[in-house]
Amino acid sequence: MNSVPEPKPVSPVWQFISLLAPTVLTGFYLVYGLVGLVLDEKNKLKWSDEALDVGIMVTAIVIGMNALVLAYAWYHRLALRHLLWISPIAHIAICVALTLIVFFAV
């Protein structure tokens, strides 16, 4: 007998929303963080005044949103290879890496 519970169905609309929102924030942060690497000295000084605060805020929001998605995936007993497991982990890793880039660029 198979005692492993079956995964619950995932709404396609919820899956689309939970994958789109972190993608938009991570894309914004990717552009914002990498722009700081190519700015000249005068503009980089202005950018560095707020860059780390913006980075920490965006990273906190992305981690919070993706923690909810991971909790949803866990609650629905989705396989670890499901996109609702892979995408949040990837977004969190990207945002943490970008925060480190911004920290060292400042």
PDB file of N, CA and C in Angstrom:
ATOM      1  N   MET A   1       0.831  -1.191   0.000  1.00  0.00           N
ATOM      2  CA  MET A   1       0.000   0.000   0.000  1.00  0.00           C
ATOM      3  C   MET A   1       0.869   1.245   0.000  1.00  0.00           C
ATOM      4  N   ASN A   2       0.380   2.255  -0.667  1.00  0.00           N
ATOM      5  CA  ASN A   2       1.098   3.518  -0.773  1.00  0.00           C
ATOM      6  C   ASN A   2       0.569   4.474   0.290  1.00  0.00           C
ATOM      7  N   SER A   3       1.390   4.799   1.285  1.00  0.00           N
ATOM      8  CA  SER A   3       0.940   5.671   2.361  1.00  0.00           C
ATOM      9  C   SER A   3       1.321   7.132   2.135  1.00  0.00           C
ATOM     10  N   VAL A   4       1.978   7.421   1.003  1.00  0.00           N
ATOM     11  CA  VAL A   4       2.356   8.798   0.695  1.00  0.00           C
ATOM     12  C   VAL A   4       1.118   9.526   0.176  1.00  0.00           C
ATOM     13  N   PRO A   5       0.749  10.644   0.814  1.00  0.00           N
ATOM     14  CA  PRO A   5      -0.449  11.352   0.359  1.00  0.00           C
ATOM     15  C   PRO A   5      -0.229  11.976  -1.020  1.00  0.00           C
ATOM     16  N   GLU A   6      -1.283  12.000  -1.783  1.00  0.00           N
ATOM     17  CA  GLU A   6      -1.239  12.593  -3.120  1.00  0.00           C
ATOM     18  C   GLU A   6      -1.181  14.111  -3.018  1.00  0.00           C
ATOM     19  N   PRO A   7      -0.472  14.755  -3.951  1.00  0.00           N
ATOM     20  CA  PRO A   7      -0.457  16.221  -3.941  1.00  0.00           C
ATOM     21  C   PRO A   7      -1.834  16.783  -4.294  1.00  0.00           C
ATOM     22  N   LYS A   8      -2.135  17.917  -3.676  1.00  0.00           N
ATOM     23  CA  LYS A   8      -3.398  18.589  -3.967  1.00  0.00           C
ATOM     24  C   LYS A   8      -3.234  19.397  -5.252  1.00  0.00           C
ATOM     25  N   PRO A   9      -4.312  19.607  -5.999  1.00  0.00           N
ATOM     26  CA  PRO A   9      -4.183  20.376  -7.234  1.00  0.00           C
ATOM     27  C   PRO A   9      -3.860  21.848  -6.951  1.00  0.00           C
ATOM     28  N   VAL A  10      -3.108  22.449  -7.857  1.00  0.00           N
ATOM     29  CA  VAL A  10      -2.719  23.852  -7.738  1.00  0.00           C
ATOM     30  C   VAL A  10      -3.466  24.635  -8.797  1.00  0.00           C
ATOM     31  N   SER A  11      -4.073  25.731  -8.381  1.00  0.00           N
ATOM     32  CA  SER A  11      -4.780  26.596  -9.314  1.00  0.00           C
ATOM     33  C   SER A  11      -3.785  27.221 -10.290  1.00  0.00           C
ATOM     34  N   PRO A  12      -4.054  27.166 -11.594  1.00  0.00           N
ATOM     35  CA  PRO A  12      -3.141  27.784 -12.558  1.00  0.00           C
ATOM     36  C   PRO A  12      -3.013  29.292 -12.363  1.00  0.00           C
ATOM     37  N   VAL A  13      -4.085  29.940 -11.918  1.00  0.00           N
ATOM     38  CA  VAL A  13      -4.033  31.386 -11.685  1.00  0.00           C
ATOM     39  C   VAL A  13      -3.117  31.686 -10.509  1.00  0.00           C
ATOM     40  N   TRP A  14      -3.257  30.936  -9.418  1.00  0.00           N
ATOM     41  CA  TRP A  14      -2.395  31.146  -8.261  1.00  0.00           C
ATOM     42  C   TRP A  14      -0.939  30.842  -8.614  1.00  0.00           C
ATOM     43  N   GLN A  15      -0.711  29.797  -9.385  1.00  0.00           N
ATOM     44  CA  GLN A  15       0.654  29.464  -9.773  1.00  0.00           C
ATOM     45  C   GLN A  15       1.251  30.589 -10.619  1.00  0.00           C
ATOM     46  N   PHE A  16       0.479  31.149 -11.541  1.00  0.00           N
ATOM     47  CA  PHE A  16       0.963  32.248 -12.380  1.00  0.00           C
ATOM     48  C   PHE A  16       1.305  33.466 -11.527  1.00  0.00           C
ATOM     49  N   ILE A  17       0.429  33.831 -10.608  1.00  0.00           N
ATOM     50  CA  ILE A  17       0.667  35.007  -9.759  1.00  0.00           C
ATOM     51  C   ILE A  17       1.870  34.785  -8.848  1.00  0.00           C
ATOM     52  N   SER A  18       1.963  33.604  -8.268  1.00  0.00           N
ATOM     53  CA  SER A  18       3.059  33.353  -7.332  1.00  0.00           C
ATOM     54  C   SER A  18       4.400  33.215  -8.043  1.00  0.00           C
ATOM     55  N   LEU A  19       4.403  33.002  -9.332  1.00  0.00           N
ATOM     56  CA  LEU A  19       5.649  32.973 -10.090  1.00  0.00           C
ATOM     57  C   LEU A  19       5.968  34.321 -10.724  1.00  0.00           C
ATOM     58  N   LEU A  20       4.947  35.110 -11.010  1.00  0.00           N
ATOM     59  CA  LEU A  20       5.163  36.390 -11.691  1.00  0.00           C
ATOM     60  C   LEU A  20       5.669  37.482 -10.757  1.00  0.00           C
ATOM     61  N   ALA A  21       5.081  37.612  -9.590  1.00  0.00           N
ATOM     62  CA  ALA A  21       5.446  38.709  -8.679  1.00  0.00           C
ATOM     63  C   ALA A  21       6.921  38.670  -8.279  1.00  0.00           C
ATOM     64  N   PRO A  22       7.461  37.534  -7.842  1.00  0.00           N
ATOM     65  CA  PRO A  22       8.889  37.524  -7.511  1.00  0.00           C
ATOM     66  C   PRO A  22       9.788  37.742  -8.733  1.00  0.00           C
ATOM     67  N   THR A  23       9.329  37.327  -9.895  1.00  0.00           N
ATOM     68  CA  THR A  23      10.113  37.527 -11.112  1.00  0.00           C
ATOM     69  C   THR A  23      10.251  39.009 -11.421  1.00  0.00           C
ATOM     70  N   VAL A  24       9.183  39.756 -11.246  1.00  0.00           N
ATOM     71  CA  VAL A  24       9.228  41.198 -11.487  1.00  0.00           C
ATOM     72  C   VAL A  24      10.156  41.877 -10.494  1.00  0.00           C
ATOM     73  N   LEU A  25      10.033  41.544  -9.224  1.00  0.00           N
ATOM     74  CA  LEU A  25      10.902  42.150  -8.205  1.00  0.00           C
ATOM     75  C   LEU A  25      12.365  41.759  -8.391  1.00  0.00           C
ATOM     76  N   THR A  26      12.618  40.509  -8.708  1.00  0.00           N
ATOM     77  CA  THR A  26      13.991  40.075  -8.919  1.00  0.00           C
ATOM     78  C   THR A  26      14.576  40.734 -10.166  1.00  0.00           C
ATOM     79  N   GLY A  27      13.773  40.890 -11.204  1.00  0.00           N
ATOM     80  CA  GLY A  27      14.231  41.578 -12.409  1.00  0.00           C
ATOM     81  C   GLY A  27      14.576  43.031 -12.137  1.00  0.00           C
ATOM     82  N   PHE A  28      13.712  43.705 -11.372  1.00  0.00           N
ATOM     83  CA  PHE A  28      13.996  45.090 -10.991  1.00  0.00           C
ATOM     84  C   PHE A  28      15.298  45.166 -10.211  1.00  0.00           C
ATOM     85  N   TYR A  29      15.456  44.283  -9.256  1.00  0.00           N
ATOM     86  CA  TYR A  29      16.634  44.318  -8.405  1.00  0.00           C
ATOM     87  C   TYR A  29      17.896  43.962  -9.190  1.00  0.00           C
ATOM     88  N   LEU A  30      17.774  43.061 -10.143  1.00  0.00           N
ATOM     89  CA  LEU A  30      18.913  42.708 -10.979  1.00  0.00           C
ATOM     90  C   LEU A  30      19.409  43.923 -11.756  1.00  0.00           C
ATOM     91  N   VAL A  31      18.487  44.649 -12.368  1.00  0.00           N
ATOM     92  CA  VAL A  31      18.862  45.854 -13.119  1.00  0.00           C
ATOM     93  C   VAL A  31      19.417  46.902 -12.165  1.00  0.00           C
ATOM     94  N   TYR A  32      18.755  47.124 -11.059  1.00  0.00           N
ATOM     95  CA  TYR A  32      19.179  48.136 -10.093  1.00  0.00           C
ATOM     96  C   TYR A  32      20.568  47.823  -9.529  1.00  0.00           C
ATOM     97  N   GLY A  33      20.790  46.566  -9.169  1.00  0.00           N
ATOM     98  CA  GLY A  33      22.070  46.187  -8.596  1.00  0.00           C
ATOM     99  C   GLY A  33      23.213  46.235  -9.596  1.00  0.00           C
ATOM    100  N   LEU A  34      22.948  45.802 -10.803  1.00  0.00           N
ATOM    101  CA  LEU A  34      24.008  45.769 -11.798  1.00  0.00           C
ATOM    102  C   LEU A  34      24.315  47.141 -12.390  1.00  0.00           C
ATOM    103  N   VAL A  35      23.348  48.051 -12.352  1.00  0.00           N
ATOM    104  CA  VAL A  35      23.606  49.414 -12.818  1.00  0.00           C
ATOM    105  C   VAL A  35      24.666  50.071 -11.952  1.00  0.00           C
ATOM    106  N   GLY A  36      24.657  49.760 -10.681  1.00  0.00           N
ATOM    107  CA  GLY A  36      25.649  50.329  -9.780  1.00  0.00           C
ATOM    108  C   GLY A  36      27.073  49.940 -10.121  1.00  0.00           C
ATOM    109  N   LEU A  37      27.228  48.828 -10.817  1.00  0.00           N
ATOM    110  CA  LEU A  37      28.573  48.400 -11.185  1.00  0.00           C
ATOM    111  C   LEU A  37      29.140  49.178 -12.369  1.00  0.00           C
ATOM    112  N   VAL A  38      28.287  49.830 -13.151  1.00  0.00           N
ATOM    113  CA  VAL A  38      28.755  50.524 -14.357  1.00  0.00           C
ATOM    114  C   VAL A  38      28.659  52.045 -14.255  1.00  0.00           C
ATOM    115  N   LEU A  39      28.206  52.561 -13.125  1.00  0.00           N
ATOM    116  CA  LEU A  39      28.085  54.008 -12.972  1.00  0.00           C
ATOM    117  C   LEU A  39      29.460  54.648 -12.791  1.00  0.00           C
ATOM    118  N   ASP A  40      29.552  55.908 -13.221  1.00  0.00           N
ATOM    119  CA  ASP A  40      30.791  56.635 -12.975  1.00  0.00           C
ATOM    120  C   ASP A  40      30.796  57.139 -11.527  1.00  0.00           C
ATOM    121  N   GLU A  41      31.862  57.787 -11.128  1.00  0.00           N
ATOM    122  CA  GLU A  41      32.070  58.125  -9.715  1.00  0.00           C
ATOM    123  C   GLU A  41      30.993  59.051  -9.134  1.00  0.00           C
ATOM    124  N   LYS A  42      30.610  60.100  -9.849  1.00  0.00           N
ATOM    125  CA  LYS A  42      29.638  61.053  -9.314  1.00  0.00           C
ATOM    126  C   LYS A  42      28.267  60.401  -9.134  1.00  0.00           C
ATOM    127  N   ASN A  43      27.820  59.691 -10.142  1.00  0.00           N
ATOM    128  CA  ASN A  43      26.521  59.026 -10.050  1.00  0.00           C
ATOM    129  C   ASN A  43      26.546  57.834  -9.104  1.00  0.00           C
ATOM    130  N   LYS A  44      27.689  57.165  -9.023  1.00  0.00           N
ATOM    131  CA  LYS A  44      27.791  56.021  -8.118  1.00  0.00           C
ATOM    132  C   LYS A  44      27.683  56.468  -6.666  1.00  0.00           C
ATOM    133  N   LEU A  45      28.187  57.648  -6.359  1.00  0.00           N
ATOM    134  CA  LEU A  45      28.072  58.170  -4.999  1.00  0.00           C
ATOM    135  C   LEU A  45      26.607  58.375  -4.625  1.00  0.00           C
ATOM    136  N   LYS A  46      25.816  58.920  -5.549  1.00  0.00           N
ATOM    137  CA  LYS A  46      24.376  59.098  -5.307  1.00  0.00           C
ATOM    138  C   LYS A  46      23.680  57.744  -5.183  1.00  0.00           C
ATOM    139  N   TRP A  47      24.050  56.820  -6.050  1.00  0.00           N
ATOM    140  CA  TRP A  47      23.438  55.491  -6.045  1.00  0.00           C
ATOM    141  C   TRP A  47      23.755  54.760  -4.743  1.00  0.00           C
ATOM    142  N   SER A  48      24.994  54.889  -4.276  1.00  0.00           N
ATOM    143  CA  SER A  48      25.404  54.140  -3.092  1.00  0.00           C
ATOM    144  C   SER A  48      24.767  54.653  -1.808  1.00  0.00           C
ATOM    145  N   ASP A  49      24.242  55.885  -1.827  1.00  0.00           N
ATOM    146  CA  ASP A  49      23.570  56.409  -0.637  1.00  0.00           C
ATOM    147  C   ASP A  49      22.336  55.594  -0.269  1.00  0.00           C
ATOM    148  N   GLU A  50      21.646  55.093  -1.260  1.00  0.00           N
ATOM    149  CA  GLU A  50      20.394  54.374  -0.987  1.00  0.00           C
ATOM    150  C   GLU A  50      20.419  52.915  -1.435  1.00  0.00           C
ATOM    151  N   ALA A  51      21.455  52.489  -2.114  1.00  0.00           N
ATOM    152  CA  ALA A  51      21.465  51.166  -2.740  1.00  0.00           C
ATOM    153  C   ALA A  51      21.307  50.031  -1.738  1.00  0.00           C
ATOM    154  N   LEU A  52      22.041  50.077  -0.654  1.00  0.00           N
ATOM    155  CA  LEU A  52      21.967  48.974   0.300  1.00  0.00           C
ATOM    156  C   LEU A  52      20.604  48.918   0.991  1.00  0.00           C
ATOM    157  N   ASP A  53      20.034  50.076   1.303  1.00  0.00           N
ATOM    158  CA  ASP A  53      18.691  50.092   1.910  1.00  0.00           C
ATOM    159  C   ASP A  53      17.644  49.527   0.959  1.00  0.00           C
ATOM    160  N   VAL A  54      17.716  49.926  -0.311  1.00  0.00           N
ATOM    161  CA  VAL A  54      16.777  49.392  -1.311  1.00  0.00           C
ATOM    162  C   VAL A  54      16.990  47.895  -1.473  1.00  0.00           C
ATOM    163  N   GLY A  55      18.243  47.473  -1.521  1.00  0.00           N
ATOM    164  CA  GLY A  55      18.540  46.056  -1.678  1.00  0.00           C
ATOM    165  C   GLY A  55      18.025  45.211  -0.544  1.00  0.00           C
ATOM    166  N   ILE A  56      18.218  45.672   0.674  1.00  0.00           N
ATOM    167  CA  ILE A  56      17.736  44.912   1.827  1.00  0.00           C
ATOM    168  C   ILE A  56      16.209  44.864   1.840  1.00  0.00           C
ATOM    169  N   MET A  57      15.575  45.967   1.484  1.00  0.00           N
ATOM    170  CA  MET A  57      14.109  45.995   1.453  1.00  0.00           C
ATOM    171  C   MET A  57      13.557  45.047   0.383  1.00  0.00           C
ATOM    172  N   VAL A  58      14.118  45.092  -0.809  1.00  0.00           N
ATOM    173  CA  VAL A  58      13.644  44.209  -1.885  1.00  0.00           C
ATOM    174  C   VAL A  58      13.909  42.753  -1.523  1.00  0.00           C
ATOM    175  N   THR A  59      15.064  42.473  -0.961  1.00  0.00           N
ATOM    176  CA  THR A  59      15.379  41.097  -0.560  1.00  0.00           C
ATOM    177  C   THR A  59      14.418  40.605   0.516  1.00  0.00           C
ATOM    178  N   ALA A  60      14.093  41.458   1.470  1.00  0.00           N
ATOM    179  CA  ALA A  60      13.142  41.062   2.519  1.00  0.00           C
ATOM    180  C   ALA A  60      11.759  40.778   1.931  1.00  0.00           C
ATOM    181  N   ILE A  61      11.330  41.605   0.991  1.00  0.00           N
ATOM    182  CA  ILE A  61      10.021  41.392   0.360  1.00  0.00           C
ATOM    183  C   ILE A  61      10.023  40.096  -0.443  1.00  0.00           C
ATOM    184  N   VAL A  62      11.089  39.861  -1.207  1.00  0.00           N
ATOM    185  CA  VAL A  62      11.173  38.641  -2.015  1.00  0.00           C
ATOM    186  C   VAL A  62      11.220  37.404  -1.122  1.00  0.00           C
ATOM    187  N   ILE A  63      11.988  37.467  -0.041  1.00  0.00           N
ATOM    188  CA  ILE A  63      12.041  36.321   0.880  1.00  0.00           C
ATOM    189  C   ILE A  63      10.672  36.083   1.509  1.00  0.00           C
ATOM    190  N   GLY A  64       9.991  37.141   1.910  1.00  0.00           N
ATOM    191  CA  GLY A  64       8.658  36.995   2.498  1.00  0.00           C
ATOM    192  C   GLY A  64       7.649  36.398   1.532  1.00  0.00           C
ATOM    193  N   MET A  65       7.620  36.934   0.305  1.00  0.00           N
ATOM    194  CA  MET A  65       6.675  36.406  -0.688  1.00  0.00           C
ATOM    195  C   MET A  65       6.983  34.950  -1.014  1.00  0.00           C
ATOM    196  N   ASN A  66       8.258  34.649  -1.185  1.00  0.00           N
ATOM    197  CA  ASN A  66       8.623  33.286  -1.548  1.00  0.00           C
ATOM    198  C   ASN A  66       8.485  32.312  -0.389  1.00  0.00           C
ATOM    199  N   ALA A  67       8.578  32.798   0.832  1.00  0.00           N
ATOM    200  CA  ALA A  67       8.313  31.930   1.983  1.00  0.00           C
ATOM    201  C   ALA A  67       6.848  31.489   1.970  1.00  0.00           C
ATOM    202  N   LEU A  68       5.965  32.398   1.592  1.00  0.00           N
ATOM    203  CA  LEU A  68       4.549  32.023   1.470  1.00  0.00           C
ATOM    204  C   LEU A  68       4.330  31.001   0.358  1.00  0.00           C
ATOM    205  N   VAL A  69       5.027  31.171  -0.751  1.00  0.00           N
ATOM    206  CA  VAL A  69       4.908  30.221  -1.861  1.00  0.00           C
ATOM    207  C   VAL A  69       5.462  28.859  -1.444  1.00  0.00           C
ATOM    208  N   LEU A  70       6.586  28.855  -0.727  1.00  0.00           N
ATOM    209  CA  LEU A  70       7.134  27.588  -0.250  1.00  0.00           C
ATOM    210  C   LEU A  70       6.191  26.913   0.751  1.00  0.00           C
ATOM    211  N   ALA A  71       5.575  27.698   1.613  1.00  0.00           N
ATOM    212  CA  ALA A  71       4.601  27.136   2.557  1.00  0.00           C
ATOM    213  C   ALA A  71       3.400  26.553   1.810  1.00  0.00           C
ATOM    214  N   TYR A  72       2.983  27.247   0.769  1.00  0.00           N
ATOM    215  CA  TYR A  72       1.874  26.756  -0.066  1.00  0.00           C
ATOM    216  C   TYR A  72       2.258  25.439  -0.733  1.00  0.00           C
ATOM    217  N   ALA A  73       3.473  25.374  -1.280  1.00  0.00           N
ATOM    218  CA  ALA A  73       3.930  24.144  -1.942  1.00  0.00           C
ATOM    219  C   ALA A  73       4.039  22.998  -0.935  1.00  0.00           C
ATOM    220  N   TRP A  74       4.503  23.305   0.277  1.00  0.00           N
ATOM    221  CA  TRP A  74       4.597  22.278   1.300  1.00  0.00           C
ATOM    222  C   TRP A  74       3.208  21.795   1.711  1.00  0.00           C
ATOM    223  N   TYR A  75       2.271  22.745   1.883  1.00  0.00           N
ATOM    224  CA  TYR A  75       0.916  22.399   2.291  1.00  0.00           C
ATOM    225  C   TYR A  75       0.226  21.520   1.242  1.00  0.00           C
ATOM    226  N   HIS A  76       0.489  21.803  -0.017  1.00  0.00           N
ATOM    227  CA  HIS A  76      -0.129  21.031  -1.098  1.00  0.00           C
ATOM    228  C   HIS A  76       0.663  19.773  -1.441  1.00  0.00           C
ATOM    229  N   ARG A  77       1.734  19.519  -0.696  1.00  0.00           N
ATOM    230  CA  ARG A  77       2.543  18.304  -0.852  1.00  0.00           C
ATOM    231  C   ARG A  77       3.074  18.148  -2.280  1.00  0.00           C
ATOM    232  N   LEU A  78       3.546  19.252  -2.838  1.00  0.00           N
ATOM    233  CA  LEU A  78       4.079  19.200  -4.193  1.00  0.00           C
ATOM    234  C   LEU A  78       5.464  18.558  -4.182  1.00  0.00           C
ATOM    235  N   ALA A  79       5.803  17.930  -5.282  1.00  0.00           N
ATOM    236  CA  ALA A  79       7.124  17.306  -5.409  1.00  0.00           C
ATOM    237  C   ALA A  79       8.204  18.387  -5.384  1.00  0.00           C
ATOM    238  N   LEU A  80       9.382  18.039  -4.902  1.00  0.00           N
ATOM    239  CA  LEU A  80      10.467  19.019  -4.801  1.00  0.00           C
ATOM    240  C   LEU A  80      10.932  19.517  -6.159  1.00  0.00           C
ATOM    241  N   ARG A  81      10.611  18.816  -7.218  1.00  0.00           N
ATOM    242  CA  ARG A  81      10.980  19.271  -8.552  1.00  0.00           C
ATOM    243  C   ARG A  81       9.902  20.171  -9.175  1.00  0.00           C
ATOM    244  N   HIS A  82       8.842  20.429  -8.434  1.00  0.00           N
ATOM    245  CA  HIS A  82       7.768  21.309  -8.921  1.00  0.00           C
ATOM    246  C   HIS A  82       8.272  22.745  -8.987  1.00  0.00           C
ATOM    247  N   LEU A  83       7.748  23.506  -9.922  1.00  0.00           N
ATOM    248  CA  LEU A  83       8.184  24.880 -10.136  1.00  0.00           C
ATOM    249  C   LEU A  83       7.934  25.769  -8.920  1.00  0.00           C
ATOM    250  N   LEU A  84       6.932  25.456  -8.123  1.00  0.00           N
ATOM    251  CA  LEU A  84       6.661  26.252  -6.925  1.00  0.00           C
ATOM    252  C   LEU A  84       7.654  25.962  -5.795  1.00  0.00           C
ATOM    253  N   TRP A  85       8.519  24.999  -5.952  1.00  0.00           N
ATOM    254  CA  TRP A  85       9.642  24.797  -5.037  1.00  0.00           C
ATOM    255  C   TRP A  85      10.912  25.421  -5.619  1.00  0.00           C
ATOM    256  N   ILE A  86      11.150  25.188  -6.890  1.00  0.00           N
ATOM    257  CA  ILE A  86      12.397  25.619  -7.524  1.00  0.00           C
ATOM    258  C   ILE A  86      12.469  27.136  -7.658  1.00  0.00           C
ATOM    259  N   SER A  87      11.406  27.754  -8.131  1.00  0.00           N
ATOM    260  CA  SER A  87      11.413  29.191  -8.387  1.00  0.00           C
ATOM    261  C   SER A  87      11.651  30.023  -7.129  1.00  0.00           C
ATOM    262  N   PRO A  88      10.951  29.783  -6.021  1.00  0.00           N
ATOM    263  CA  PRO A  88      11.225  30.588  -4.822  1.00  0.00           C
ATOM    264  C   PRO A  88      12.645  30.447  -4.309  1.00  0.00           C
ATOM    265  N   ILE A  89      13.173  29.249  -4.344  1.00  0.00           N
ATOM    266  CA  ILE A  89      14.548  29.053  -3.875  1.00  0.00           C
ATOM    267  C   ILE A  89      15.519  29.803  -4.778  1.00  0.00           C
ATOM    268  N   ALA A  90      15.281  29.764  -6.077  1.00  0.00           N
ATOM    269  CA  ALA A  90      16.151  30.477  -7.017  1.00  0.00           C
ATOM    270  C   ALA A  90      16.053  31.988  -6.815  1.00  0.00           C
ATOM    271  N   HIS A  91      14.838  32.509  -6.636  1.00  0.00           N
ATOM    272  CA  HIS A  91      14.671  33.948  -6.431  1.00  0.00           C
ATOM    273  C   HIS A  91      15.334  34.417  -5.135  1.00  0.00           C
ATOM    274  N   ILE A  92      15.207  33.637  -4.090  1.00  0.00           N
ATOM    275  CA  ILE A  92      15.849  33.996  -2.823  1.00  0.00           C
ATOM    276  C   ILE A  92      17.363  34.001  -2.994  1.00  0.00           C
ATOM    277  N   ALA A  93      17.902  32.991  -3.662  1.00  0.00           N
ATOM    278  CA  ALA A  93      19.355  32.923  -3.869  1.00  0.00           C
ATOM    279  C   ALA A  93      19.847  34.093  -4.712  1.00  0.00           C
ATOM    280  N   ILE A  94      19.107  34.446  -5.755  1.00  0.00           N
ATOM    281  CA  ILE A  94      19.499  35.566  -6.618  1.00  0.00           C
ATOM    282  C   ILE A  94      19.481  36.868  -5.835  1.00  0.00           C
ATOM    283  N   CYS A  95      18.445  37.089  -5.044  1.00  0.00           N
ATOM    284  CA  CYS A  95      18.351  38.340  -4.284  1.00  0.00           C
ATOM    285  C   CYS A  95      19.439  38.438  -3.221  1.00  0.00           C
ATOM    286  N   VAL A  96      19.748  37.350  -2.571  1.00  0.00           N
ATOM    287  CA  VAL A  96      20.826  37.380  -1.579  1.00  0.00           C
ATOM    288  C   VAL A  96      22.159  37.650  -2.275  1.00  0.00           C
ATOM    289  N   ALA A  97      22.387  37.025  -3.425  1.00  0.00           N
ATOM    290  CA  ALA A  97      23.629  37.276  -4.170  1.00  0.00           C
ATOM    291  C   ALA A  97      23.706  38.726  -4.632  1.00  0.00           C
ATOM    292  N   LEU A  98      22.592  39.280  -5.107  1.00  0.00           N
ATOM    293  CA  LEU A  98      22.592  40.678  -5.538  1.00  0.00           C
ATOM    294  C   LEU A  98      22.812  41.628  -4.367  1.00  0.00           C
ATOM    295  N   THR A  99      22.285  41.286  -3.203  1.00  0.00           N
ATOM    296  CA  THR A  99      22.520  42.117  -2.025  1.00  0.00           C
ATOM    297  C   THR A  99      23.998  42.115  -1.667  1.00  0.00           C
ATOM    298  N   LEU A 100      24.645  40.979  -1.792  1.00  0.00           N
ATOM    299  CA  LEU A 100      26.083  40.912  -1.540  1.00  0.00           C
ATOM    300  C   LEU A 100      26.859  41.738  -2.576  1.00  0.00           C
ATOM    301  N   ILE A 101      26.419  41.692  -3.827  1.00  0.00           N
ATOM    302  CA  ILE A 101      27.062  42.501  -4.872  1.00  0.00           C
ATOM    303  C   ILE A 101      26.910  43.983  -4.561  1.00  0.00           C
ATOM    304  N   VAL A 102      25.693  44.376  -4.170  1.00  0.00           N
ATOM    305  CA  VAL A 102      25.461  45.791  -3.840  1.00  0.00           C
ATOM    306  C   VAL A 102      26.284  46.183  -2.610  1.00  0.00           C
ATOM    307  N   PHE A 103      26.337  45.304  -1.624  1.00  0.00           N
ATOM    308  CA  PHE A 103      27.104  45.602  -0.413  1.00  0.00           C
ATOM    309  C   PHE A 103      28.579  45.845  -0.726  1.00  0.00           C
ATOM    310  N   PHE A 104      29.144  45.004  -1.583  1.00  0.00           N
ATOM    311  CA  PHE A 104      30.557  45.179  -1.909  1.00  0.00           C
ATOM    312  C   PHE A 104      30.782  46.282  -2.923  1.00  0.00           C
ATOM    313  N   ALA A 105      29.751  46.634  -3.705  1.00  0.00           N
ATOM    314  CA  ALA A 105      29.894  47.723  -4.675  1.00  0.00           C
ATOM    315  C   ALA A 105      29.791  49.081  -3.993  1.00  0.00           C
ATOM    316  N   VAL A 106      29.107  49.129  -2.863  1.00  0.00           N
ATOM    317  CA  VAL A 106      28.961  50.390  -2.137  1.00  0.00           C
ATOM    318  C   VAL A 106      30.264  50.676  -1.450  1.00  0.00           C
TER     319      VAL A 106
END
